[in-house]
Amino acid sequence: MTDEARTNYVYEFTYSSAPGLREIFQCKYVSPEEALNRFRKILALTESPFDFKIVVSDETMGEESSFQVKGGSIEEMFVKFKVFLETSTGYIFREAIQEHEEHAIEQIGLESLSNYDKMQVIIYASFKHGKFSSLDVTEIYQDSFNEDLPKSTASTYLARMWNNGKGHLERYGNRSGYTYRLRTEAKEVQKEVRRAEELLSSIQMQVKD
């Protein structure tokens, strides 16, 4: 476990696997999400578990919190345990982060984006395969936003994006005619591609309206 992933929490999950039979599962120093995932795997070995309890201890602060669920389904228990872990540790599960990002995308208006921002959206969403030129960018830009983008402006923006230090673009050719390729093998680029596709879809709906 890396130092970055290590926490100060100790988790103890208790549940009944049969009348009068209690099981205890404990794990240490992992994130709340990892602890819950491990407990889910352990629980899968039991046919009909019930009466769940979780105890979270912070070894640094000397604090302890607990939560008990009696009755209900296993999935309901996991939902309640997740909320408990978020409130007791301050950790935000990745699903919640994704929901927040999706909500933020829905709130983005076309008028809030600069021409440069919109061009980046076009590149990430539309040029996932092969090389492209500034002319290719201007054509899709105009189709997507019903706006003109001069080829010279697209060339300037592409040069800025290529030279921004992120390394998302590769450039080929010379000043008489550059072509570019999006480095879709990079995980960071893949994340931007997904975000741009969602954002472009939302923006195009606004354009049609």
N, C-alpha and C. Protein backbone atom coordinates (compact mmCIF):
# COMPACT_ATOMS: atom_id res chain seq x y z
N MET A 1 0.85 -1.20 0.00
CA MET A 1 0.00 0.00 0.00
C MET A 1 0.88 1.24 0.00
N THR A 2 0.59 2.18 -0.86
CA THR A 2 1.37 3.41 -0.92
C THR A 2 1.01 4.31 0.25
N ASP A 3 1.92 5.24 0.58
CA ASP A 3 1.65 6.18 1.66
C ASP A 3 0.44 7.03 1.36
N GLU A 4 0.25 7.34 0.05
CA GLU A 4 -0.88 8.18 -0.35
C GLU A 4 -2.20 7.48 -0.09
N ALA A 5 -2.23 6.14 -0.27
CA ALA A 5 -3.47 5.39 -0.10
C ALA A 5 -3.72 5.01 1.35
N ARG A 6 -2.71 5.07 2.19
CA ARG A 6 -2.83 4.65 3.58
C ARG A 6 -3.64 5.65 4.39
N THR A 7 -4.51 5.13 5.25
CA THR A 7 -5.28 5.98 6.16
C THR A 7 -5.00 5.54 7.59
N ASN A 8 -5.60 6.24 8.54
CA ASN A 8 -5.43 5.89 9.96
C ASN A 8 -6.64 5.13 10.50
N TYR A 9 -7.51 4.67 9.61
CA TYR A 9 -8.75 4.05 10.05
C TYR A 9 -8.64 2.54 10.21
N VAL A 10 -9.33 2.04 11.23
CA VAL A 10 -9.50 0.61 11.44
C VAL A 10 -11.00 0.32 11.35
N TYR A 11 -11.35 -0.65 10.52
CA TYR A 11 -12.76 -0.95 10.28
C TYR A 11 -13.08 -2.35 10.82
N GLU A 12 -14.17 -2.45 11.54
CA GLU A 12 -14.62 -3.75 12.03
C GLU A 12 -16.08 -3.95 11.62
N PHE A 13 -16.30 -4.95 10.81
CA PHE A 13 -17.64 -5.29 10.35
C PHE A 13 -18.11 -6.54 11.08
N THR A 14 -19.29 -6.47 11.66
CA THR A 14 -19.86 -7.62 12.36
C THR A 14 -21.22 -7.94 11.75
N TYR A 15 -21.50 -9.23 11.59
CA TYR A 15 -22.79 -9.63 11.03
C TYR A 15 -23.12 -11.05 11.50
N SER A 16 -24.39 -11.40 11.37
CA SER A 16 -24.84 -12.75 11.73
C SER A 16 -24.94 -13.59 10.47
N SER A 17 -24.35 -14.77 10.52
CA SER A 17 -24.43 -15.69 9.39
C SER A 17 -25.47 -16.78 9.63
N ALA A 18 -25.91 -16.89 10.87
CA ALA A 18 -26.94 -17.85 11.26
C ALA A 18 -27.41 -17.46 12.66
N PRO A 19 -28.58 -17.93 13.09
CA PRO A 19 -29.04 -17.59 14.45
C PRO A 19 -28.00 -17.98 15.50
N GLY A 20 -27.60 -16.99 16.30
CA GLY A 20 -26.62 -17.24 17.35
C GLY A 20 -25.18 -17.29 16.89
N LEU A 21 -24.93 -17.03 15.62
CA LEU A 21 -23.56 -17.10 15.09
C LEU A 21 -23.16 -15.74 14.51
N ARG A 22 -22.19 -15.10 15.16
CA ARG A 22 -21.72 -13.79 14.72
C ARG A 22 -20.35 -13.91 14.05
N GLU A 23 -20.18 -13.18 12.96
CA GLU A 23 -18.92 -13.16 12.23
C GLU A 23 -18.32 -11.75 12.33
N ILE A 24 -16.99 -11.69 12.39
CA ILE A 24 -16.30 -10.40 12.49
C ILE A 24 -15.24 -10.31 11.40
N PHE A 25 -15.26 -9.23 10.66
CA PHE A 25 -14.24 -8.97 9.64
C PHE A 25 -13.60 -7.62 9.94
N GLN A 26 -12.28 -7.58 9.95
CA GLN A 26 -11.57 -6.35 10.27
C GLN A 26 -10.50 -6.06 9.21
N CYS A 27 -10.35 -4.80 8.86
CA CYS A 27 -9.24 -4.39 8.00
C CYS A 27 -8.75 -3.02 8.46
N LYS A 28 -7.50 -2.73 8.13
CA LYS A 28 -6.86 -1.52 8.65
C LYS A 28 -6.23 -0.68 7.55
N TYR A 29 -6.26 0.63 7.78
CA TYR A 29 -5.44 1.62 7.07
C TYR A 29 -5.77 1.78 5.58
N VAL A 30 -6.89 1.23 5.14
CA VAL A 30 -7.29 1.43 3.75
C VAL A 30 -8.36 2.52 3.69
N SER A 31 -8.72 2.94 2.49
CA SER A 31 -9.77 3.95 2.35
C SER A 31 -11.12 3.34 2.71
N PRO A 32 -12.09 4.16 3.09
CA PRO A 32 -13.43 3.64 3.38
C PRO A 32 -14.02 2.86 2.20
N GLU A 33 -13.76 3.31 1.00
CA GLU A 33 -14.29 2.62 -0.18
C GLU A 33 -13.68 1.23 -0.32
N GLU A 34 -12.38 1.13 -0.10
CA GLU A 34 -11.71 -0.17 -0.19
C GLU A 34 -12.19 -1.10 0.92
N ALA A 35 -12.39 -0.55 2.11
CA ALA A 35 -12.89 -1.37 3.23
C ALA A 35 -14.26 -1.94 2.91
N LEU A 36 -15.13 -1.11 2.35
CA LEU A 36 -16.47 -1.56 2.02
C LEU A 36 -16.44 -2.60 0.89
N ASN A 37 -15.55 -2.42 -0.06
CA ASN A 37 -15.41 -3.40 -1.15
C ASN A 37 -14.93 -4.75 -0.62
N ARG A 38 -13.99 -4.72 0.31
CA ARG A 38 -13.49 -5.97 0.89
C ARG A 38 -14.58 -6.68 1.69
N PHE A 39 -15.36 -5.89 2.43
CA PHE A 39 -16.45 -6.48 3.20
C PHE A 39 -17.49 -7.10 2.27
N ARG A 40 -17.74 -6.47 1.14
CA ARG A 40 -18.69 -7.01 0.18
C ARG A 40 -18.24 -8.39 -0.32
N LYS A 41 -16.94 -8.53 -0.57
CA LYS A 41 -16.41 -9.82 -1.03
C LYS A 41 -16.53 -10.89 0.05
N ILE A 42 -16.25 -10.50 1.30
CA ILE A 42 -16.38 -11.45 2.40
C ILE A 42 -17.83 -11.87 2.58
N LEU A 43 -18.72 -10.92 2.48
CA LEU A 43 -20.14 -11.17 2.69
C LEU A 43 -20.72 -12.09 1.61
N ALA A 44 -20.10 -12.05 0.42
CA ALA A 44 -20.58 -12.89 -0.68
C ALA A 44 -20.43 -14.38 -0.38
N LEU A 45 -19.61 -14.71 0.61
CA LEU A 45 -19.40 -16.11 0.99
C LEU A 45 -20.49 -16.63 1.92
N THR A 46 -21.34 -15.74 2.41
CA THR A 46 -22.40 -16.12 3.34
C THR A 46 -23.75 -16.07 2.62
N GLU A 47 -24.55 -17.10 2.82
CA GLU A 47 -25.79 -17.22 2.05
C GLU A 47 -26.82 -16.15 2.40
N SER A 48 -27.12 -15.99 3.68
CA SER A 48 -28.15 -15.02 4.09
C SER A 48 -27.72 -14.26 5.34
N PRO A 49 -26.76 -13.38 5.21
CA PRO A 49 -26.30 -12.63 6.39
C PRO A 49 -27.35 -11.62 6.84
N PHE A 50 -27.30 -11.25 8.12
CA PHE A 50 -28.24 -10.26 8.65
C PHE A 50 -27.64 -9.60 9.88
N ASP A 51 -28.32 -8.55 10.37
CA ASP A 51 -27.89 -7.80 11.55
C ASP A 51 -26.43 -7.33 11.42
N PHE A 52 -26.25 -6.24 10.70
CA PHE A 52 -24.91 -5.75 10.38
C PHE A 52 -24.51 -4.60 11.31
N LYS A 53 -23.23 -4.56 11.62
CA LYS A 53 -22.70 -3.47 12.42
C LYS A 53 -21.31 -3.11 11.91
N ILE A 54 -21.02 -1.82 11.88
CA ILE A 54 -19.70 -1.35 11.48
C ILE A 54 -19.15 -0.43 12.56
N VAL A 55 -17.89 -0.61 12.88
CA VAL A 55 -17.19 0.26 13.83
C VAL A 55 -15.96 0.82 13.12
N VAL A 56 -15.82 2.14 13.14
CA VAL A 56 -14.67 2.79 12.51
C VAL A 56 -13.88 3.50 13.59
N SER A 57 -12.60 3.19 13.67
CA SER A 57 -11.72 3.81 14.67
C SER A 57 -10.64 4.61 13.96
N ASP A 58 -10.43 5.82 14.44
CA ASP A 58 -9.35 6.67 13.94
C ASP A 58 -8.20 6.59 14.95
N GLU A 59 -7.13 5.88 14.59
CA GLU A 59 -6.05 5.65 15.54
C GLU A 59 -5.30 6.94 15.88
N THR A 60 -5.28 7.89 14.96
CA THR A 60 -4.58 9.14 15.22
C THR A 60 -5.33 10.01 16.22
N MET A 61 -6.64 10.14 16.01
CA MET A 61 -7.46 11.01 16.85
C MET A 61 -8.00 10.29 18.08
N GLY A 62 -7.92 8.96 18.08
CA GLY A 62 -8.47 8.20 19.20
C GLY A 62 -9.99 8.23 19.24
N GLU A 63 -10.61 8.39 18.08
CA GLU A 63 -12.07 8.47 18.00
C GLU A 63 -12.64 7.18 17.43
N GLU A 64 -13.89 6.89 17.81
CA GLU A 64 -14.55 5.68 17.32
C GLU A 64 -16.02 5.98 17.03
N SER A 65 -16.49 5.48 15.90
CA SER A 65 -17.89 5.65 15.51
C SER A 65 -18.44 4.28 15.12
N SER A 66 -19.74 4.09 15.34
CA SER A 66 -20.34 2.81 14.99
C SER A 66 -21.74 3.02 14.44
N PHE A 67 -22.19 2.04 13.68
CA PHE A 67 -23.52 2.10 13.09
C PHE A 67 -24.03 0.68 12.92
N GLN A 68 -25.30 0.47 13.24
CA GLN A 68 -25.87 -0.87 13.19
C GLN A 68 -27.13 -0.87 12.33
N VAL A 69 -27.28 -1.91 11.52
CA VAL A 69 -28.44 -2.06 10.65
C VAL A 69 -29.09 -3.41 10.92
N LYS A 70 -30.34 -3.38 11.34
CA LYS A 70 -31.09 -4.62 11.55
C LYS A 70 -32.24 -4.67 10.56
N GLY A 71 -32.35 -5.79 9.87
CA GLY A 71 -33.39 -5.92 8.86
C GLY A 71 -32.99 -5.25 7.56
N GLY A 72 -33.85 -5.36 6.56
CA GLY A 72 -33.54 -4.77 5.26
C GLY A 72 -32.65 -5.67 4.43
N SER A 73 -32.47 -5.28 3.18
CA SER A 73 -31.65 -6.08 2.26
C SER A 73 -30.17 -5.75 2.42
N ILE A 74 -29.34 -6.59 1.83
CA ILE A 74 -27.89 -6.36 1.87
C ILE A 74 -27.54 -5.07 1.15
N GLU A 75 -28.18 -4.82 0.01
CA GLU A 75 -27.87 -3.60 -0.74
C GLU A 75 -28.27 -2.35 0.05
N GLU A 76 -29.39 -2.43 0.76
CA GLU A 76 -29.79 -1.30 1.60
C GLU A 76 -28.76 -1.06 2.69
N MET A 77 -28.24 -2.15 3.23
CA MET A 77 -27.20 -2.03 4.26
C MET A 77 -25.97 -1.33 3.71
N PHE A 78 -25.55 -1.71 2.49
CA PHE A 78 -24.36 -1.10 1.91
C PHE A 78 -24.58 0.39 1.64
N VAL A 79 -25.77 0.75 1.21
CA VAL A 79 -26.07 2.17 0.99
C VAL A 79 -25.96 2.94 2.30
N LYS A 80 -26.51 2.38 3.37
CA LYS A 80 -26.46 3.05 4.67
C LYS A 80 -25.03 3.09 5.22
N PHE A 81 -24.29 2.00 5.03
CA PHE A 81 -22.90 1.99 5.49
C PHE A 81 -22.06 3.01 4.73
N LYS A 82 -22.34 3.17 3.44
CA LYS A 82 -21.58 4.14 2.65
C LYS A 82 -21.82 5.56 3.15
N VAL A 83 -23.08 5.87 3.43
CA VAL A 83 -23.40 7.20 3.97
C VAL A 83 -22.74 7.40 5.33
N PHE A 84 -22.78 6.35 6.15
CA PHE A 84 -22.14 6.43 7.47
C PHE A 84 -20.64 6.69 7.34
N LEU A 85 -19.99 5.98 6.42
CA LEU A 85 -18.55 6.17 6.23
C LEU A 85 -18.23 7.57 5.72
N GLU A 86 -19.07 8.09 4.85
CA GLU A 86 -18.84 9.44 4.34
C GLU A 86 -18.97 10.48 5.46
N THR A 87 -19.98 10.31 6.31
CA THR A 87 -20.19 11.29 7.38
C THR A 87 -19.18 11.16 8.51
N SER A 88 -18.73 9.94 8.78
CA SER A 88 -17.82 9.74 9.91
C SER A 88 -16.35 9.97 9.55
N THR A 89 -16.00 9.83 8.28
CA THR A 89 -14.60 10.00 7.88
C THR A 89 -14.37 11.21 6.98
N GLY A 90 -15.45 11.74 6.37
CA GLY A 90 -15.29 12.84 5.43
C GLY A 90 -14.89 12.39 4.04
N TYR A 91 -14.78 11.08 3.85
CA TYR A 91 -14.39 10.54 2.55
C TYR A 91 -15.57 10.65 1.57
N ILE A 92 -15.27 10.96 0.30
CA ILE A 92 -16.30 11.01 -0.73
C ILE A 92 -16.07 9.86 -1.70
N PHE A 93 -17.05 8.98 -1.80
CA PHE A 93 -16.94 7.84 -2.70
C PHE A 93 -16.91 8.31 -4.15
N ARG A 94 -16.25 7.54 -5.00
CA ARG A 94 -16.07 7.93 -6.40
C ARG A 94 -17.39 8.11 -7.13
N GLU A 95 -18.40 7.33 -6.77
CA GLU A 95 -19.71 7.48 -7.40
C GLU A 95 -20.26 8.88 -7.16
N ALA A 96 -20.07 9.37 -5.92
CA ALA A 96 -20.56 10.71 -5.59
C ALA A 96 -19.80 11.77 -6.38
N ILE A 97 -18.48 11.55 -6.55
CA ILE A 97 -17.68 12.49 -7.33
C ILE A 97 -18.15 12.52 -8.77
N GLN A 98 -18.43 11.33 -9.32
CA GLN A 98 -18.88 11.25 -10.71
C GLN A 98 -20.23 11.94 -10.88
N GLU A 99 -21.14 11.72 -9.90
CA GLU A 99 -22.45 12.37 -9.99
C GLU A 99 -22.30 13.89 -9.96
N HIS A 100 -21.36 14.37 -9.13
CA HIS A 100 -21.12 15.81 -9.05
C HIS A 100 -20.59 16.34 -10.38
N GLU A 101 -19.66 15.59 -11.00
CA GLU A 101 -19.11 16.03 -12.28
C GLU A 101 -20.18 16.06 -13.36
N GLU A 102 -21.05 15.02 -13.36
CA GLU A 102 -22.11 14.98 -14.36
C GLU A 102 -23.08 16.14 -14.16
N HIS A 103 -23.37 16.46 -12.90
CA HIS A 103 -24.26 17.59 -12.63
C HIS A 103 -23.61 18.89 -13.08
N ALA A 104 -22.30 19.00 -12.84
CA ALA A 104 -21.59 20.21 -13.25
C ALA A 104 -21.61 20.38 -14.76
N ILE A 105 -21.48 19.26 -15.49
CA ILE A 105 -21.52 19.31 -16.94
C ILE A 105 -22.87 19.82 -17.42
N GLU A 106 -23.94 19.34 -16.76
CA GLU A 106 -25.28 19.77 -17.15
C GLU A 106 -25.46 21.28 -16.96
N GLN A 107 -24.73 21.85 -15.99
CA GLN A 107 -24.91 23.26 -15.67
C GLN A 107 -24.07 24.19 -16.55
N ILE A 108 -23.15 23.60 -17.34
CA ILE A 108 -22.28 24.43 -18.17
C ILE A 108 -23.07 24.98 -19.36
N GLY A 109 -23.05 26.27 -19.52
CA GLY A 109 -23.74 26.90 -20.63
C GLY A 109 -22.77 27.21 -21.76
N LEU A 110 -23.30 27.25 -22.96
CA LEU A 110 -22.46 27.52 -24.13
C LEU A 110 -21.77 28.87 -24.01
N GLU A 111 -22.48 29.84 -23.44
CA GLU A 111 -21.92 31.19 -23.34
C GLU A 111 -20.76 31.28 -22.36
N SER A 112 -20.62 30.27 -21.49
CA SER A 112 -19.55 30.30 -20.49
C SER A 112 -18.22 29.79 -21.04
N LEU A 113 -18.23 29.25 -22.25
CA LEU A 113 -17.02 28.69 -22.84
C LEU A 113 -16.41 29.66 -23.84
N SER A 114 -15.10 29.80 -23.78
CA SER A 114 -14.40 30.62 -24.77
C SER A 114 -14.25 29.81 -26.06
N ASN A 115 -13.85 30.49 -27.13
CA ASN A 115 -13.61 29.77 -28.39
C ASN A 115 -12.53 28.71 -28.23
N TYR A 116 -11.53 29.03 -27.43
CA TYR A 116 -10.45 28.07 -27.18
C TYR A 116 -10.97 26.85 -26.43
N ASP A 117 -11.83 27.09 -25.43
CA ASP A 117 -12.43 25.97 -24.69
C ASP A 117 -13.24 25.07 -25.62
N LYS A 118 -14.04 25.71 -26.47
CA LYS A 118 -14.89 24.94 -27.38
C LYS A 118 -14.05 24.15 -28.38
N MET A 119 -12.93 24.73 -28.82
CA MET A 119 -12.07 24.00 -29.73
C MET A 119 -11.47 22.76 -29.06
N GLN A 120 -11.10 22.89 -27.79
CA GLN A 120 -10.56 21.74 -27.07
C GLN A 120 -11.61 20.64 -26.93
N VAL A 121 -12.85 21.04 -26.67
CA VAL A 121 -13.93 20.06 -26.59
C VAL A 121 -14.05 19.30 -27.91
N ILE A 122 -13.99 20.03 -29.01
CA ILE A 122 -14.07 19.41 -30.34
C ILE A 122 -12.94 18.40 -30.54
N ILE A 123 -11.74 18.79 -30.17
CA ILE A 123 -10.58 17.92 -30.38
C ILE A 123 -10.69 16.64 -29.57
N TYR A 124 -11.01 16.76 -28.29
CA TYR A 124 -11.10 15.57 -27.44
C TYR A 124 -12.26 14.67 -27.87
N ALA A 125 -13.36 15.27 -28.29
CA ALA A 125 -14.55 14.47 -28.60
C ALA A 125 -14.56 13.92 -30.02
N SER A 126 -13.86 14.58 -30.94
CA SER A 126 -14.02 14.24 -32.36
C SER A 126 -12.79 13.65 -33.04
N PHE A 127 -11.62 13.76 -32.42
CA PHE A 127 -10.41 13.30 -33.09
C PHE A 127 -9.67 12.25 -32.25
N LYS A 128 -10.40 11.19 -31.94
CA LYS A 128 -9.81 10.12 -31.12
C LYS A 128 -8.97 9.16 -31.95
N HIS A 129 -9.12 9.23 -33.27
CA HIS A 129 -8.40 8.29 -34.14
C HIS A 129 -7.70 9.05 -35.27
N GLY A 130 -6.42 8.81 -35.41
CA GLY A 130 -5.69 9.37 -36.54
C GLY A 130 -5.30 10.83 -36.36
N LYS A 131 -4.68 11.36 -37.41
CA LYS A 131 -4.19 12.74 -37.39
C LYS A 131 -5.25 13.69 -37.92
N PHE A 132 -5.09 14.97 -37.58
CA PHE A 132 -6.02 15.99 -38.04
C PHE A 132 -5.29 17.31 -38.19
N SER A 133 -5.90 18.21 -38.94
CA SER A 133 -5.30 19.52 -39.20
C SER A 133 -6.20 20.62 -38.66
N SER A 134 -5.73 21.84 -38.74
CA SER A 134 -6.54 22.98 -38.30
C SER A 134 -7.80 23.12 -39.15
N LEU A 135 -7.71 22.75 -40.42
CA LEU A 135 -8.89 22.81 -41.29
C LEU A 135 -9.95 21.81 -40.83
N ASP A 136 -9.52 20.62 -40.43
CA ASP A 136 -10.46 19.63 -39.91
C ASP A 136 -11.18 20.17 -38.67
N VAL A 137 -10.42 20.83 -37.82
CA VAL A 137 -10.99 21.38 -36.59
C VAL A 137 -12.03 22.45 -36.90
N THR A 138 -11.71 23.35 -37.82
CA THR A 138 -12.65 24.44 -38.12
C THR A 138 -13.96 23.91 -38.70
N GLU A 139 -13.88 22.87 -39.51
CA GLU A 139 -15.09 22.32 -40.13
C GLU A 139 -16.03 21.73 -39.07
N ILE A 140 -15.48 20.94 -38.15
CA ILE A 140 -16.32 20.33 -37.12
C ILE A 140 -16.78 21.38 -36.11
N TYR A 141 -15.93 22.34 -35.84
CA TYR A 141 -16.29 23.44 -34.94
C TYR A 141 -17.53 24.17 -35.47
N GLN A 142 -17.50 24.49 -36.74
CA GLN A 142 -18.62 25.21 -37.35
C GLN A 142 -19.89 24.38 -37.37
N ASP A 143 -19.75 23.08 -37.64
CA ASP A 143 -20.92 22.20 -37.64
C ASP A 143 -21.51 22.06 -36.24
N SER A 144 -20.65 22.04 -35.24
CA SER A 144 -21.10 21.79 -33.86
C SER A 144 -21.71 23.01 -33.21
N PHE A 145 -21.14 24.19 -33.48
CA PHE A 145 -21.56 25.39 -32.76
C PHE A 145 -22.26 26.44 -33.63
N ASN A 146 -22.37 26.15 -34.91
CA ASN A 146 -22.96 27.13 -35.84
C ASN A 146 -22.22 28.46 -35.77
N GLU A 147 -20.91 28.39 -35.60
CA GLU A 147 -20.07 29.58 -35.53
C GLU A 147 -18.86 29.38 -36.43
N ASP A 148 -18.35 30.48 -36.95
CA ASP A 148 -17.13 30.42 -37.75
C ASP A 148 -15.90 30.46 -36.84
N LEU A 149 -14.91 29.67 -37.19
CA LEU A 149 -13.62 29.71 -36.52
C LEU A 149 -12.56 29.80 -37.62
N PRO A 150 -11.92 30.96 -37.79
CA PRO A 150 -10.92 31.10 -38.85
C PRO A 150 -9.82 30.05 -38.73
N LYS A 151 -9.34 29.59 -39.86
CA LYS A 151 -8.29 28.57 -39.87
C LYS A 151 -7.04 29.07 -39.15
N SER A 152 -6.73 30.35 -39.29
CA SER A 152 -5.54 30.90 -38.62
C SER A 152 -5.71 30.86 -37.10
N THR A 153 -6.95 31.11 -36.64
CA THR A 153 -7.22 31.05 -35.20
C THR A 153 -7.10 29.62 -34.69
N ALA A 154 -7.64 28.68 -35.47
CA ALA A 154 -7.54 27.27 -35.09
C ALA A 154 -6.07 26.84 -35.02
N SER A 155 -5.25 27.31 -35.96
CA SER A 155 -3.83 26.98 -35.96
C SER A 155 -3.14 27.51 -34.70
N THR A 156 -3.49 28.74 -34.33
CA THR A 156 -2.92 29.34 -33.12
C THR A 156 -3.34 28.58 -31.88
N TYR A 157 -4.62 28.22 -31.80
CA TYR A 157 -5.13 27.48 -30.65
C TYR A 157 -4.49 26.10 -30.55
N LEU A 158 -4.33 25.44 -31.69
CA LEU A 158 -3.71 24.11 -31.69
C LEU A 158 -2.26 24.18 -31.20
N ALA A 159 -1.55 25.20 -31.65
CA ALA A 159 -0.16 25.38 -31.20
C ALA A 159 -0.11 25.62 -29.70
N ARG A 160 -1.08 26.39 -29.19
CA ARG A 160 -1.12 26.65 -27.75
C ARG A 160 -1.42 25.37 -26.98
N MET A 161 -2.37 24.59 -27.48
CA MET A 161 -2.74 23.35 -26.81
C MET A 161 -1.59 22.35 -26.84
N TRP A 162 -0.87 22.29 -27.96
CA TRP A 162 0.26 21.38 -28.09
C TRP A 162 1.40 21.77 -27.15
N ASN A 163 1.51 23.08 -26.88
CA ASN A 163 2.63 23.60 -26.12
C ASN A 163 2.27 23.92 -24.67
N ASN A 164 1.12 23.38 -24.18
CA ASN A 164 0.68 23.76 -22.84
C ASN A 164 1.29 22.92 -21.72
N GLY A 165 2.15 21.97 -22.08
CA GLY A 165 2.85 21.19 -21.07
C GLY A 165 2.14 19.91 -20.64
N LYS A 166 0.92 19.70 -21.10
CA LYS A 166 0.18 18.50 -20.71
C LYS A 166 0.60 17.27 -21.53
N GLY A 167 1.06 17.51 -22.75
CA GLY A 167 1.48 16.39 -23.59
C GLY A 167 0.33 15.60 -24.18
N HIS A 168 -0.84 16.23 -24.32
CA HIS A 168 -1.99 15.51 -24.87
C HIS A 168 -1.95 15.41 -26.39
N LEU A 169 -1.20 16.30 -27.03
CA LEU A 169 -1.13 16.31 -28.49
C LEU A 169 0.28 16.00 -28.97
N GLU A 170 0.34 15.29 -30.09
CA GLU A 170 1.60 15.13 -30.83
C GLU A 170 1.50 15.96 -32.10
N ARG A 171 2.62 16.55 -32.53
CA ARG A 171 2.58 17.40 -33.72
C ARG A 171 3.55 16.87 -34.78
N TYR A 172 3.11 16.93 -36.02
CA TYR A 172 3.91 16.43 -37.14
C TYR A 172 3.98 17.51 -38.23
N GLY A 173 5.00 17.42 -39.07
CA GLY A 173 5.12 18.35 -40.19
C GLY A 173 5.96 19.56 -39.85
N ASN A 174 5.72 20.66 -40.58
CA ASN A 174 6.47 21.89 -40.38
C ASN A 174 5.53 23.08 -40.50
N ARG A 175 6.09 24.28 -40.48
CA ARG A 175 5.27 25.49 -40.45
C ARG A 175 4.39 25.64 -41.68
N SER A 176 4.74 24.97 -42.74
CA SER A 176 3.91 25.05 -43.94
C SER A 176 2.63 24.24 -43.81
N GLY A 177 2.58 23.37 -42.82
CA GLY A 177 1.37 22.57 -42.62
C GLY A 177 1.53 21.53 -41.53
N TYR A 178 1.09 21.86 -40.31
CA TYR A 178 1.17 20.92 -39.20
C TYR A 178 -0.06 20.02 -39.15
N THR A 179 0.15 18.79 -38.72
CA THR A 179 -0.95 17.90 -38.36
C THR A 179 -0.72 17.45 -36.92
N TYR A 180 -1.80 17.02 -36.28
CA TYR A 180 -1.74 16.66 -34.87
C TYR A 180 -2.40 15.30 -34.63
N ARG A 181 -2.02 14.70 -33.51
CA ARG A 181 -2.65 13.45 -33.08
C ARG A 181 -2.91 13.51 -31.58
N LEU A 182 -4.11 13.12 -31.19
CA LEU A 182 -4.46 13.09 -29.78
C LEU A 182 -3.92 11.80 -29.16
N ARG A 183 -3.20 11.91 -28.06
CA ARG A 183 -2.57 10.75 -27.42
C ARG A 183 -3.59 10.00 -26.56
N THR A 184 -4.49 9.30 -27.25
CA THR A 184 -5.58 8.61 -26.55
C THR A 184 -5.12 7.42 -25.73
N GLU A 185 -3.86 7.03 -25.86
CA GLU A 185 -3.35 5.93 -25.03
C GLU A 185 -3.09 6.39 -23.60
N ALA A 186 -3.05 7.69 -23.39
CA ALA A 186 -2.81 8.24 -22.05
C ALA A 186 -4.12 8.28 -21.26
N LYS A 187 -4.08 7.84 -20.01
CA LYS A 187 -5.29 7.79 -19.19
C LYS A 187 -5.89 9.17 -18.98
N GLU A 188 -5.04 10.16 -18.82
CA GLU A 188 -5.54 11.52 -18.60
C GLU A 188 -6.30 12.02 -19.83
N VAL A 189 -5.81 11.64 -21.01
CA VAL A 189 -6.50 12.02 -22.24
C VAL A 189 -7.83 11.28 -22.35
N GLN A 190 -7.85 10.02 -21.99
CA GLN A 190 -9.09 9.24 -22.02
C GLN A 190 -10.16 9.86 -21.14
N LYS A 191 -9.74 10.37 -19.99
CA LYS A 191 -10.68 11.05 -19.09
C LYS A 191 -11.22 12.31 -19.74
N GLU A 192 -10.34 13.07 -20.39
CA GLU A 192 -10.77 14.29 -21.07
C GLU A 192 -11.71 13.98 -22.23
N VAL A 193 -11.45 12.86 -22.91
CA VAL A 193 -12.31 12.45 -24.03
C VAL A 193 -13.72 12.18 -23.54
N ARG A 194 -13.84 11.43 -22.45
CA ARG A 194 -15.17 11.12 -21.91
C ARG A 194 -15.90 12.39 -21.48
N ARG A 195 -15.18 13.27 -20.83
CA ARG A 195 -15.79 14.52 -20.37
C ARG A 195 -16.22 15.37 -21.57
N ALA A 196 -15.37 15.45 -22.58
CA ALA A 196 -15.68 16.27 -23.75
C ALA A 196 -16.88 15.72 -24.51
N GLU A 197 -16.99 14.40 -24.61
CA GLU A 197 -18.12 13.80 -25.30
C GLU A 197 -19.43 14.15 -24.60
N GLU A 198 -19.43 14.07 -23.27
CA GLU A 198 -20.63 14.42 -22.52
C GLU A 198 -20.95 15.91 -22.64
N LEU A 199 -19.90 16.71 -22.56
CA LEU A 199 -20.08 18.15 -22.64
C LEU A 199 -20.58 18.57 -24.02
N LEU A 200 -20.00 17.98 -25.07
CA LEU A 200 -20.41 18.33 -26.43
C LEU A 200 -21.86 17.94 -26.68
N SER A 201 -22.25 16.78 -26.15
CA SER A 201 -23.64 16.35 -26.30
C SER A 201 -24.59 17.33 -25.63
N SER A 202 -24.21 17.79 -24.44
CA SER A 202 -25.04 18.76 -23.72
C SER A 202 -25.09 20.09 -24.45
N ILE A 203 -23.96 20.53 -24.97
CA ILE A 203 -23.90 21.81 -25.68
C ILE A 203 -24.70 21.76 -26.97
N GLN A 204 -24.61 20.66 -27.69
CA GLN A 204 -25.32 20.55 -28.96
C GLN A 204 -26.83 20.61 -28.75
N MET A 205 -27.29 20.10 -27.61
CA MET A 205 -28.72 20.21 -27.29
C MET A 205 -29.10 21.67 -27.08
N GLN A 206 -28.19 22.43 -26.46
CA GLN A 206 -28.45 23.86 -26.27
C GLN A 206 -28.46 24.60 -27.60
N VAL A 207 -27.55 24.20 -28.51
CA VAL A 207 -27.48 24.85 -29.82
C VAL A 207 -28.76 24.60 -30.60
N LYS A 208 -29.27 23.36 -30.53
CA LYS A 208 -30.50 23.02 -31.25
C LYS A 208 -31.70 23.77 -30.69
N ASP A 209 -31.70 23.94 -29.35
CA ASP A 209 -32.80 24.67 -28.72
C ASP A 209 -32.79 26.14 -29.14
